Amino acid sequence: VKLKMLENEYTCLQKIIRDPPFNKSELHCSRSWDGLLCWDDTPAGTFASQNCPDYLFDFDPTEKATKYCGEDGQWFHHPRSNTTWTNYTLCAVNTKERLKVMYPDVLS
C-alpha cells in the first residue's frame, strides 16, 4: 500500500508541474495531492469528485471522494483540524458489511 501511495504521489507531483496553468482570470483552487488522491485545478464554488483509491483495503473504489473549492478559491478547511479536507466518508461506507462477508464467523 505504501509503495502504491508513493507512486501515486510522484505521478501527481509530476502532473502538477507539467500540466498547463489553469485559466488565471478565473478564481480556482490549485491542483494538489492530499495524501491519497491527486486533485486538478477546480473552479471556485464547485465540488471536485473522483473514484475512491483502489489501493486501500477498506475503501470501495466504486464510490466517490469529493473535495470542495470555496467561493474564495481555497480548498475547504475542516473546522476541527483547520486543514484542507477531502470527504472520503463514502469510500468506507460499506466496510462493515464487506468484512461480514469476508469473516462471517468472526463478525456474526
PDB file of N, CA and C in Angstrom:
ATOM      1  N   VAL A   1       0.832  -1.195   0.000  1.00  0.00           N
ATOM      2  CA  VAL A   1       0.000   0.000   0.000  1.00  0.00           C
ATOM      3  C   VAL A   1       0.874   1.256   0.000  1.00  0.00           C
ATOM      4  N   LYS A   2       1.884   1.268   0.848  1.00  0.00           N
ATOM      5  CA  LYS A   2       2.754   2.448   0.953  1.00  0.00           C
ATOM      6  C   LYS A   2       3.453   2.739  -0.373  1.00  0.00           C
ATOM      7  N   LEU A   3       3.927   1.689  -1.049  1.00  0.00           N
ATOM      8  CA  LEU A   3       4.594   1.870  -2.338  1.00  0.00           C
ATOM      9  C   LEU A   3       3.629   2.455  -3.363  1.00  0.00           C
ATOM     10  N   LYS A   4       2.400   1.943  -3.399  1.00  0.00           N
ATOM     11  CA  LYS A   4       1.393   2.452  -4.339  1.00  0.00           C
ATOM     12  C   LYS A   4       1.100   3.925  -4.050  1.00  0.00           C
ATOM     13  N   MET A   5       1.009   4.285  -2.782  1.00  0.00           N
ATOM     14  CA  MET A   5       0.762   5.684  -2.424  1.00  0.00           C
ATOM     15  C   MET A   5       1.920   6.571  -2.870  1.00  0.00           C
ATOM     16  N   LEU A   6       3.142   6.102  -2.661  1.00  0.00           N
ATOM     17  CA  LEU A   6       4.310   6.885  -3.080  1.00  0.00           C
ATOM     18  C   LEU A   6       4.362   7.032  -4.595  1.00  0.00           C
ATOM     19  N   GLU A   7       4.018   5.967  -5.319  1.00  0.00           N
ATOM     20  CA  GLU A   7       3.975   6.041  -6.785  1.00  0.00           C
ATOM     21  C   GLU A   7       2.919   7.048  -7.232  1.00  0.00           C
ATOM     22  N   ASN A   8       1.747   6.997  -6.605  1.00  0.00           N
ATOM     23  CA  ASN A   8       0.673   7.927  -6.961  1.00  0.00           C
ATOM     24  C   ASN A   8       1.047   9.363  -6.622  1.00  0.00           C
ATOM     25  N   GLU A   9       1.708   9.555  -5.495  1.00  0.00           N
ATOM     26  CA  GLU A   9       2.151  10.901  -5.126  1.00  0.00           C
ATOM     27  C   GLU A   9       3.159  11.426  -6.147  1.00  0.00           C
ATOM     28  N   TYR A  10       4.107  10.605  -6.530  1.00  0.00           N
ATOM     29  CA  TYR A  10       5.114  11.005  -7.515  1.00  0.00           C
ATOM     30  C   TYR A  10       4.453  11.377  -8.846  1.00  0.00           C
ATOM     31  N   THR A  11       3.523  10.531  -9.301  1.00  0.00           N
ATOM     32  CA  THR A  11       2.803  10.800 -10.551  1.00  0.00           C
ATOM     33  C   THR A  11       2.028  12.108 -10.449  1.00  0.00           C
ATOM     34  N   CYS A  12       1.394  12.337  -9.315  1.00  0.00           N
ATOM     35  CA  CYS A  12       0.617  13.558  -9.105  1.00  0.00           C
ATOM     36  C   CYS A  12       1.515  14.790  -9.133  1.00  0.00           C
ATOM     37  N   LEU A  13       2.629  14.724  -8.424  1.00  0.00           N
ATOM     38  CA  LEU A  13       3.522  15.883  -8.382  1.00  0.00           C
ATOM     39  C   LEU A  13       4.094  16.186  -9.765  1.00  0.00           C
ATOM     40  N   GLN A  14       4.360  15.151 -10.557  1.00  0.00           N
ATOM     41  CA  GLN A  14       4.808  15.361 -11.936  1.00  0.00           C
ATOM     42  C   GLN A  14       3.710  16.046 -12.750  1.00  0.00           C
ATOM     43  N   LYS A  15       2.463  15.610 -12.552  1.00  0.00           N
ATOM     44  CA  LYS A  15       1.315  16.203 -13.256  1.00  0.00           C
ATOM     45  C   LYS A  15       1.136  17.669 -12.851  1.00  0.00           C
ATOM     46  N   ILE A  16       1.281  17.952 -11.566  1.00  0.00           N
ATOM     47  CA  ILE A  16       1.149  19.326 -11.077  1.00  0.00           C
ATOM     48  C   ILE A  16       2.166  20.229 -11.766  1.00  0.00           C
ATOM     49  N   ILE A  17       3.383  19.734 -11.918  1.00  0.00           N
ATOM     50  CA  ILE A  17       4.450  20.516 -12.548  1.00  0.00           C
ATOM     51  C   ILE A  17       4.238  20.659 -14.050  1.00  0.00           C
ATOM     52  N   ARG A  18       3.823  19.584 -14.711  1.00  0.00           N
ATOM     53  CA  ARG A  18       3.757  19.560 -16.178  1.00  0.00           C
ATOM     54  C   ARG A  18       2.498  20.154 -16.791  1.00  0.00           C
ATOM     55  N   ASP A  19       1.353  20.018 -16.124  1.00  0.00           N
ATOM     56  CA  ASP A  19       0.099  20.491 -16.718  1.00  0.00           C
ATOM     57  C   ASP A  19       0.146  21.996 -16.942  1.00  0.00           C
ATOM     58  N   PRO A  20      -0.484  22.446 -18.022  1.00  0.00           N
ATOM     59  CA  PRO A  20      -0.517  23.895 -18.265  1.00  0.00           C
ATOM     60  C   PRO A  20      -1.288  24.613 -17.155  1.00  0.00           C
ATOM     61  N   PRO A  21      -0.984  25.887 -16.930  1.00  0.00           N
ATOM     62  CA  PRO A  21      -1.671  26.638 -15.875  1.00  0.00           C
ATOM     63  C   PRO A  21      -3.173  26.726 -16.136  1.00  0.00           C
ATOM     64  N   PHE A  22      -3.921  26.786 -15.056  1.00  0.00           N
ATOM     65  CA  PHE A  22      -5.366  26.980 -15.126  1.00  0.00           C
ATOM     66  C   PHE A  22      -5.628  28.389 -15.635  1.00  0.00           C
ATOM     67  N   ASN A  23      -6.800  28.609 -16.218  1.00  0.00           N
ATOM     68  CA  ASN A  23      -7.195  29.938 -16.679  1.00  0.00           C
ATOM     69  C   ASN A  23      -7.096  30.903 -15.500  1.00  0.00           C
ATOM     70  N   LYS A  24      -6.059  31.704 -15.486  1.00  0.00           N
ATOM     71  CA  LYS A  24      -5.769  32.536 -14.312  1.00  0.00           C
ATOM     72  C   LYS A  24      -6.793  33.639 -14.060  1.00  0.00           C
ATOM     73  N   SER A  25      -7.626  33.956 -15.037  1.00  0.00           N
ATOM     74  CA  SER A  25      -8.620  35.005 -14.822  1.00  0.00           C
ATOM     75  C   SER A  25      -9.794  34.487 -13.990  1.00  0.00           C
ATOM     76  N   GLU A  26      -9.892  33.180 -13.839  1.00  0.00           N
ATOM     77  CA  GLU A  26     -10.993  32.594 -13.077  1.00  0.00           C
ATOM     78  C   GLU A  26     -10.480  32.144 -11.709  1.00  0.00           C
ATOM     79  N   LEU A  27     -11.210  32.529 -10.657  1.00  0.00           N
ATOM     80  CA  LEU A  27     -10.845  32.108  -9.311  1.00  0.00           C
ATOM     81  C   LEU A  27     -10.969  30.595  -9.213  1.00  0.00           C
ATOM     82  N   HIS A  28      -9.965  29.950  -8.619  1.00  0.00           N
ATOM     83  CA  HIS A  28      -9.960  28.486  -8.547  1.00  0.00           C
ATOM     84  C   HIS A  28      -9.086  28.000  -7.395  1.00  0.00           C
ATOM     85  N   CYS A  29      -9.271  26.740  -7.049  1.00  0.00           N
ATOM     86  CA  CYS A  29      -8.391  26.067  -6.094  1.00  0.00           C
ATOM     87  C   CYS A  29      -7.294  25.377  -6.890  1.00  0.00           C
ATOM     88  N   SER A  30      -6.090  25.467  -6.404  1.00  0.00           N
ATOM     89  CA  SER A  30      -4.943  24.906  -7.113  1.00  0.00           C
ATOM     90  C   SER A  30      -4.897  23.390  -7.006  1.00  0.00           C
ATOM     91  N   ARG A  31      -4.347  22.786  -8.046  1.00  0.00           N
ATOM     92  CA  ARG A  31      -4.155  21.333  -8.059  1.00  0.00           C
ATOM     93  C   ARG A  31      -3.322  20.923  -6.857  1.00  0.00           C
ATOM     94  N   SER A  32      -3.606  19.732  -6.366  1.00  0.00           N
ATOM     95  CA  SER A  32      -2.906  19.308  -5.152  1.00  0.00           C
ATOM     96  C   SER A  32      -2.945  17.798  -4.961  1.00  0.00           C
ATOM     97  N   TRP A  33      -2.058  17.336  -4.115  1.00  0.00           N
ATOM     98  CA  TRP A  33      -2.022  15.947  -3.639  1.00  0.00           C
ATOM     99  C   TRP A  33      -2.468  15.991  -2.184  1.00  0.00           C
ATOM    100  N   ASP A  34      -3.490  15.227  -1.819  1.00  0.00           N
ATOM    101  CA  ASP A  34      -3.997  15.282  -0.444  1.00  0.00           C
ATOM    102  C   ASP A  34      -3.498  14.140   0.437  1.00  0.00           C
ATOM    103  N   GLY A  35      -2.604  13.348  -0.087  1.00  0.00           N
ATOM    104  CA  GLY A  35      -2.095  12.212   0.668  1.00  0.00           C
ATOM    105  C   GLY A  35      -2.645  10.886   0.180  1.00  0.00           C
ATOM    106  N   LEU A  36      -3.791  10.937  -0.533  1.00  0.00           N
ATOM    107  CA  LEU A  36      -4.386   9.731  -1.106  1.00  0.00           C
ATOM    108  C   LEU A  36      -4.689   9.880  -2.590  1.00  0.00           C
ATOM    109  N   LEU A  37      -5.161  11.064  -2.993  1.00  0.00           N
ATOM    110  CA  LEU A  37      -5.539  11.295  -4.386  1.00  0.00           C
ATOM    111  C   LEU A  37      -4.976  12.615  -4.899  1.00  0.00           C
ATOM    112  N   CYS A  38      -4.899  12.702  -6.210  1.00  0.00           N
ATOM    113  CA  CYS A  38      -4.443  13.902  -6.896  1.00  0.00           C
ATOM    114  C   CYS A  38      -5.668  14.685  -7.361  1.00  0.00           C
ATOM    115  N   TRP A  39      -5.702  15.965  -7.069  1.00  0.00           N
ATOM    116  CA  TRP A  39      -6.848  16.800  -7.422  1.00  0.00           C
ATOM    117  C   TRP A  39      -6.415  17.870  -8.413  1.00  0.00           C
ATOM    118  N   ASP A  40      -7.206  18.017  -9.480  1.00  0.00           N
ATOM    119  CA  ASP A  40      -6.931  19.025 -10.503  1.00  0.00           C
ATOM    120  C   ASP A  40      -7.367  20.405 -10.025  1.00  0.00           C
ATOM    121  N   ASP A  41      -6.896  21.434 -10.732  1.00  0.00           N
ATOM    122  CA  ASP A  41      -7.409  22.783 -10.500  1.00  0.00           C
ATOM    123  C   ASP A  41      -8.931  22.709 -10.602  1.00  0.00           C
ATOM    124  N   THR A  42      -9.608  23.409  -9.708  1.00  0.00           N
ATOM    125  CA  THR A  42     -11.066  23.325  -9.643  1.00  0.00           C
ATOM    126  C   THR A  42     -11.644  24.729  -9.510  1.00  0.00           C
ATOM    127  N   PRO A  43     -12.632  25.074 -10.357  1.00  0.00           N
ATOM    128  CA  PRO A  43     -13.244  26.406 -10.263  1.00  0.00           C
ATOM    129  C   PRO A  43     -13.833  26.667  -8.875  1.00  0.00           C
ATOM    130  N   ALA A  44     -13.743  27.905  -8.434  1.00  0.00           N
ATOM    131  CA  ALA A  44     -14.290  28.295  -7.133  1.00  0.00           C
ATOM    132  C   ALA A  44     -15.783  28.008  -7.075  1.00  0.00           C
ATOM    133  N   GLY A  45     -16.234  27.607  -5.893  1.00  0.00           N
ATOM    134  CA  GLY A  45     -17.652  27.356  -5.678  1.00  0.00           C
ATOM    135  C   GLY A  45     -18.146  26.037  -6.236  1.00  0.00           C
ATOM    136  N   THR A  46     -17.241  25.111  -6.529  1.00  0.00           N
ATOM    137  CA  THR A  46     -17.656  23.822  -7.091  1.00  0.00           C
ATOM    138  C   THR A  46     -17.020  22.662  -6.328  1.00  0.00           C
ATOM    139  N   PHE A  47     -17.622  21.496  -6.505  1.00  0.00           N
ATOM    140  CA  PHE A  47     -17.082  20.258  -5.954  1.00  0.00           C
ATOM    141  C   PHE A  47     -16.299  19.529  -7.027  1.00  0.00           C
ATOM    142  N   ALA A  48     -15.190  18.951  -6.645  1.00  0.00           N
ATOM    143  CA  ALA A  48     -14.461  18.012  -7.500  1.00  0.00           C
ATOM    144  C   ALA A  48     -14.758  16.628  -6.933  1.00  0.00           C
ATOM    145  N   SER A  49     -14.853  15.636  -7.803  1.00  0.00           N
ATOM    146  CA  SER A  49     -15.061  14.272  -7.310  1.00  0.00           C
ATOM    147  C   SER A  49     -14.308  13.289  -8.187  1.00  0.00           C
ATOM    148  N   GLN A  50     -13.962  12.174  -7.591  1.00  0.00           N
ATOM    149  CA  GLN A  50     -13.322  11.085  -8.321  1.00  0.00           C
ATOM    150  C   GLN A  50     -13.502   9.798  -7.529  1.00  0.00           C
ATOM    151  N   ASN A  51     -13.238   8.697  -8.191  1.00  0.00           N
ATOM    152  CA  ASN A  51     -13.385   7.412  -7.518  1.00  0.00           C
ATOM    153  C   ASN A  51     -12.417   7.309  -6.340  1.00  0.00           C
ATOM    154  N   CYS A  52     -12.857   6.621  -5.318  1.00  0.00           N
ATOM    155  CA  CYS A  52     -12.019   6.384  -4.144  1.00  0.00           C
ATOM    156  C   CYS A  52     -10.798   5.563  -4.547  1.00  0.00           C
ATOM    157  N   PRO A  53      -9.700   5.715  -3.824  1.00  0.00           N
ATOM    158  CA  PRO A  53      -8.495   4.952  -4.150  1.00  0.00           C
ATOM    159  C   PRO A  53      -8.759   3.449  -4.089  1.00  0.00           C
ATOM    160  N   ASP A  54      -8.151   2.721  -5.017  1.00  0.00           N
ATOM    161  CA  ASP A  54      -8.353   1.270  -5.069  1.00  0.00           C
ATOM    162  C   ASP A  54      -7.286   0.501  -4.298  1.00  0.00           C
ATOM    163  N   TYR A  55      -6.362   1.203  -3.681  1.00  0.00           N
ATOM    164  CA  TYR A  55      -5.257   0.519  -3.014  1.00  0.00           C
ATOM    165  C   TYR A  55      -5.391   0.468  -1.492  1.00  0.00           C
ATOM    166  N   LEU A  56      -6.514   0.932  -0.971  1.00  0.00           N
ATOM    167  CA  LEU A  56      -6.750   0.839   0.468  1.00  0.00           C
ATOM    168  C   LEU A  56      -7.800  -0.234   0.725  1.00  0.00           C
ATOM    169  N   PHE A  57      -7.491  -1.170   1.592  1.00  0.00           N
ATOM    170  CA  PHE A  57      -8.336  -2.334   1.829  1.00  0.00           C
ATOM    171  C   PHE A  57      -9.781  -1.972   2.152  1.00  0.00           C
ATOM    172  N   ASP A  58      -9.985  -1.009   3.015  1.00  0.00           N
ATOM    173  CA  ASP A  58     -11.342  -0.713   3.469  1.00  0.00           C
ATOM    174  C   ASP A  58     -12.067   0.335   2.629  1.00  0.00           C
ATOM    175  N   PHE A  59     -11.495   0.729   1.498  1.00  0.00           N
ATOM    176  CA  PHE A  59     -12.154   1.691   0.614  1.00  0.00           C
ATOM    177  C   PHE A  59     -12.782   0.983  -0.573  1.00  0.00           C
ATOM    178  N   ASP A  60     -13.951   1.460  -0.965  1.00  0.00           N
ATOM    179  CA  ASP A  60     -14.662   0.931  -2.126  1.00  0.00           C
ATOM    180  C   ASP A  60     -14.344   1.821  -3.325  1.00  0.00           C
ATOM    181  N   PRO A  61     -13.584   1.322  -4.307  1.00  0.00           N
ATOM    182  CA  PRO A  61     -13.181   2.156  -5.445  1.00  0.00           C
ATOM    183  C   PRO A  61     -14.323   2.526  -6.392  1.00  0.00           C
ATOM    184  N   THR A  62     -15.514   1.981  -6.164  1.00  0.00           N
ATOM    185  CA  THR A  62     -16.661   2.378  -6.995  1.00  0.00           C
ATOM    186  C   THR A  62     -17.390   3.579  -6.398  1.00  0.00           C
ATOM    187  N   GLU A  63     -17.034   3.943  -5.171  1.00  0.00           N
ATOM    188  CA  GLU A  63     -17.637   5.117  -4.528  1.00  0.00           C
ATOM    189  C   GLU A  63     -16.826   6.364  -4.873  1.00  0.00           C
ATOM    190  N   LYS A  64     -17.332   7.520  -4.473  1.00  0.00           N
ATOM    191  CA  LYS A  64     -16.697   8.796  -4.814  1.00  0.00           C
ATOM    192  C   LYS A  64     -16.147   9.526  -3.592  1.00  0.00           C
ATOM    193  N   ALA A  65     -14.972  10.099  -3.788  1.00  0.00           N
ATOM    194  CA  ALA A  65     -14.395  11.045  -2.833  1.00  0.00           C
ATOM    195  C   ALA A  65     -14.668  12.435  -3.401  1.00  0.00           C
ATOM    196  N   THR A  66     -14.912  13.406  -2.536  1.00  0.00           N
ATOM    197  CA  THR A  66     -15.191  14.762  -3.005  1.00  0.00           C
ATOM    198  C   THR A  66     -14.326  15.765  -2.258  1.00  0.00           C
ATOM    199  N   LYS A  67     -14.129  16.893  -2.920  1.00  0.00           N
ATOM    200  CA  LYS A  67     -13.342  17.988  -2.345  1.00  0.00           C
ATOM    201  C   LYS A  67     -14.026  19.280  -2.795  1.00  0.00           C
ATOM    202  N   TYR A  68     -14.252  20.186  -1.859  1.00  0.00           N
ATOM    203  CA  TYR A  68     -14.961  21.423  -2.190  1.00  0.00           C
ATOM    204  C   TYR A  68     -13.993  22.589  -2.320  1.00  0.00           C
ATOM    205  N   CYS A  69     -14.131  23.300  -3.438  1.00  0.00           N
ATOM    206  CA  CYS A  69     -13.382  24.532  -3.661  1.00  0.00           C
ATOM    207  C   CYS A  69     -14.302  25.693  -3.302  1.00  0.00           C
ATOM    208  N   GLY A  70     -13.951  26.427  -2.274  1.00  0.00           N
ATOM    209  CA  GLY A  70     -14.791  27.526  -1.799  1.00  0.00           C
ATOM    210  C   GLY A  70     -14.873  28.688  -2.778  1.00  0.00           C
ATOM    211  N   GLU A  71     -15.816  29.557  -2.532  1.00  0.00           N
ATOM    212  CA  GLU A  71     -16.020  30.746  -3.369  1.00  0.00           C
ATOM    213  C   GLU A  71     -14.772  31.627  -3.401  1.00  0.00           C
ATOM    214  N   ASP A  72     -13.947  31.510  -2.364  1.00  0.00           N
ATOM    215  CA  ASP A  72     -12.728  32.317  -2.272  1.00  0.00           C
ATOM    216  C   ASP A  72     -11.535  31.689  -2.996  1.00  0.00           C
ATOM    217  N   GLY A  73     -11.765  30.533  -3.652  1.00  0.00           N
ATOM    218  CA  GLY A  73     -10.677  29.867  -4.362  1.00  0.00           C
ATOM    219  C   GLY A  73      -9.739  29.098  -3.448  1.00  0.00           C
ATOM    220  N   GLN A  74     -10.216  28.744  -2.263  1.00  0.00           N
ATOM    221  CA  GLN A  74      -9.430  27.947  -1.315  1.00  0.00           C
ATOM    222  C   GLN A  74     -10.143  26.622  -1.068  1.00  0.00           C
ATOM    223  N   TRP A  75      -9.358  25.546  -0.988  1.00  0.00           N
ATOM    224  CA  TRP A  75      -9.953  24.259  -0.646  1.00  0.00           C
ATOM    225  C   TRP A  75     -10.582  24.353   0.735  1.00  0.00           C
ATOM    226  N   PHE A  76     -11.703  23.656   0.927  1.00  0.00           N
ATOM    227  CA  PHE A  76     -12.406  23.635   2.204  1.00  0.00           C
ATOM    228  C   PHE A  76     -11.472  23.200   3.329  1.00  0.00           C
ATOM    229  N   HIS A  77     -11.538  23.921   4.442  1.00  0.00           N
ATOM    230  CA  HIS A  77     -10.788  23.571   5.653  1.00  0.00           C
ATOM    231  C   HIS A  77     -11.766  22.987   6.665  1.00  0.00           C
ATOM    232  N   HIS A  78     -11.438  21.823   7.185  1.00  0.00           N
ATOM    233  CA  HIS A  78     -12.294  21.200   8.194  1.00  0.00           C
ATOM    234  C   HIS A  78     -12.213  22.028   9.477  1.00  0.00           C
ATOM    235  N   PRO A  79     -13.371  22.345  10.079  1.00  0.00           N
ATOM    236  CA  PRO A  79     -13.361  23.220  11.252  1.00  0.00           C
ATOM    237  C   PRO A  79     -12.618  22.649  12.464  1.00  0.00           C
ATOM    238  N   ARG A  80     -12.584  21.341  12.610  1.00  0.00           N
ATOM    239  CA  ARG A  80     -11.890  20.759  13.774  1.00  0.00           C
ATOM    240  C   ARG A  80     -10.377  20.776  13.618  1.00  0.00           C
ATOM    241  N   SER A  81      -9.907  20.429  12.424  1.00  0.00           N
ATOM    242  CA  SER A  81      -8.457  20.331  12.225  1.00  0.00           C
ATOM    243  C   SER A  81      -7.854  21.601  11.633  1.00  0.00           C
ATOM    244  N   ASN A  82      -8.716  22.441  11.045  1.00  0.00           N
ATOM    245  CA  ASN A  82      -8.284  23.651  10.347  1.00  0.00           C
ATOM    246  C   ASN A  82      -7.241  23.340   9.265  1.00  0.00           C
ATOM    247  N   THR A  83      -7.409  22.188   8.622  1.00  0.00           N
ATOM    248  CA  THR A  83      -6.565  21.807   7.487  1.00  0.00           C
ATOM    249  C   THR A  83      -7.468  21.480   6.307  1.00  0.00           C
ATOM    250  N   THR A  84      -6.900  21.526   5.105  1.00  0.00           N
ATOM    251  CA  THR A  84      -7.715  21.172   3.944  1.00  0.00           C
ATOM    252  C   THR A  84      -8.223  19.752   4.119  1.00  0.00           C
ATOM    253  N   TRP A  85      -9.433  19.521   3.629  1.00  0.00           N
ATOM    254  CA  TRP A  85     -10.109  18.263   3.906  1.00  0.00           C
ATOM    255  C   TRP A  85     -10.750  17.713   2.649  1.00  0.00           C
ATOM    256  N   THR A  86     -10.580  16.428   2.443  1.00  0.00           N
ATOM    257  CA  THR A  86     -11.248  15.699   1.371  1.00  0.00           C
ATOM    258  C   THR A  86     -12.261  14.780   2.024  1.00  0.00           C
ATOM    259  N   ASN A  87     -13.454  14.718   1.457  1.00  0.00           N
ATOM    260  CA  ASN A  87     -14.506  13.878   2.014  1.00  0.00           C
ATOM    261  C   ASN A  87     -14.371  12.453   1.468  1.00  0.00           C
ATOM    262  N   TYR A  88     -13.844  11.578   2.292  1.00  0.00           N
ATOM    263  CA  TYR A  88     -13.699  10.164   1.941  1.00  0.00           C
ATOM    264  C   TYR A  88     -14.746   9.303   2.643  1.00  0.00           C
ATOM    265  N   THR A  89     -15.760   9.908   3.242  1.00  0.00           N
ATOM    266  CA  THR A  89     -16.716   9.142   4.045  1.00  0.00           C
ATOM    267  C   THR A  89     -17.450   8.085   3.230  1.00  0.00           C
ATOM    268  N   LEU A  90     -17.794   8.379   1.980  1.00  0.00           N
ATOM    269  CA  LEU A  90     -18.494   7.374   1.172  1.00  0.00           C
ATOM    270  C   LEU A  90     -17.585   6.218   0.779  1.00  0.00           C
ATOM    271  N   CYS A  91     -16.290   6.441   0.797  1.00  0.00           N
ATOM    272  CA  CYS A  91     -15.345   5.390   0.409  1.00  0.00           C
ATOM    273  C   CYS A  91     -15.412   4.196   1.347  1.00  0.00           C
ATOM    274  N   ALA A  92     -15.707   4.433   2.605  1.00  0.00           N
ATOM    275  CA  ALA A  92     -15.701   3.366   3.601  1.00  0.00           C
ATOM    276  C   ALA A  92     -17.091   3.050   4.137  1.00  0.00           C
ATOM    277  N   VAL A  93     -18.129   3.524   3.463  1.00  0.00           N
ATOM    278  CA  VAL A  93     -19.487   3.383   3.982  1.00  0.00           C
ATOM    279  C   VAL A  93     -19.913   1.923   4.132  1.00  0.00           C
ATOM    280  N   ASN A  94     -19.435   1.036   3.279  1.00  0.00           N
ATOM    281  CA  ASN A  94     -19.850  -0.371   3.334  1.00  0.00           C
ATOM    282  C   ASN A  94     -18.792  -1.287   3.935  1.00  0.00           C
ATOM    283  N   THR A  95     -17.820  -0.742   4.607  1.00  0.00           N
ATOM    284  CA  THR A  95     -16.722  -1.549   5.145  1.00  0.00           C
ATOM    285  C   THR A  95     -17.223  -2.644   6.079  1.00  0.00           C
ATOM    286  N   LYS A  96     -18.110  -2.306   6.984  1.00  0.00           N
ATOM    287  CA  LYS A  96     -18.599  -3.291   7.951  1.00  0.00           C
ATOM    288  C   LYS A  96     -19.296  -4.447   7.242  1.00  0.00           C
ATOM    289  N   GLU A  97     -20.113  -4.144   6.243  1.00  0.00           N
ATOM    290  CA  GLU A  97     -20.828  -5.188   5.516  1.00  0.00           C
ATOM    291  C   GLU A  97     -19.864  -6.084   4.739  1.00  0.00           C
ATOM    292  N   ARG A  98     -18.842  -5.487   4.134  1.00  0.00           N
ATOM    293  CA  ARG A  98     -17.859  -6.282   3.385  1.00  0.00           C
ATOM    294  C   ARG A  98     -17.061  -7.178   4.319  1.00  0.00           C
ATOM    295  N   LEU A  99     -16.722  -6.682   5.493  1.00  0.00           N
ATOM    296  CA  LEU A  99     -15.999  -7.503   6.461  1.00  0.00           C
ATOM    297  C   LEU A  99     -16.852  -8.671   6.939  1.00  0.00           C
ATOM    298  N   LYS A 100     -18.159  -8.459   7.092  1.00  0.00           N
ATOM    299  CA  LYS A 100     -19.052  -9.547   7.496  1.00  0.00           C
ATOM    300  C   LYS A 100     -19.069 -10.659   6.453  1.00  0.00           C
ATOM    301  N   VAL A 101     -19.014 -10.298   5.179  1.00  0.00           N
ATOM    302  CA  VAL A 101     -18.985 -11.295   4.108  1.00  0.00           C
ATOM    303  C   VAL A 101     -17.655 -12.046   4.129  1.00  0.00           C
ATOM    304  N   MET A 102     -16.567 -11.320   4.363  1.00  0.00           N
ATOM    305  CA  MET A 102     -15.241 -11.939   4.354  1.00  0.00           C
ATOM    306  C   MET A 102     -14.982 -12.786   5.598  1.00  0.00           C
ATOM    307  N   TYR A 103     -15.527 -12.369   6.741  1.00  0.00           N
ATOM    308  CA  TYR A 103     -15.271 -13.053   8.011  1.00  0.00           C
ATOM    309  C   TYR A 103     -16.589 -13.310   8.755  1.00  0.00           C
ATOM    310  N   PRO A 104     -17.473 -14.118   8.169  1.00  0.00           N
ATOM    311  CA  PRO A 104     -18.801 -14.300   8.776  1.00  0.00           C
ATOM    312  C   PRO A 104     -18.764 -14.913  10.175  1.00  0.00           C
ATOM    313  N   ASP A 105     -17.824 -15.810  10.430  1.00  0.00           N
ATOM    314  CA  ASP A 105     -17.762 -16.457  11.748  1.00  0.00           C
ATOM    315  C   ASP A 105     -17.292 -15.504  12.839  1.00  0.00           C
ATOM    316  N   VAL A 106     -16.458 -14.570  12.462  1.00  0.00           N
ATOM    317  CA  VAL A 106     -15.893 -13.640  13.438  1.00  0.00           C
ATOM    318  C   VAL A 106     -16.852 -12.488  13.726  1.00  0.00           C
ATOM    319  N   LEU A 107     -17.523 -12.007  12.692  1.00  0.00           N
ATOM    320  CA  LEU A 107     -18.343 -10.794  12.832  1.00  0.00           C
ATOM    321  C   LEU A 107     -19.843 -11.053  12.817  1.00  0.00           C
ATOM    322  N   SER A 108     -20.271 -12.247  13.114  1.00  0.00           N
ATOM    323  CA  SER A 108     -21.717 -12.530  13.083  1.00  0.00           C
ATOM    324  C   SER A 108     -22.397 -12.091  14.353  1.00  0.00           C
TER     325      SER A 108
END
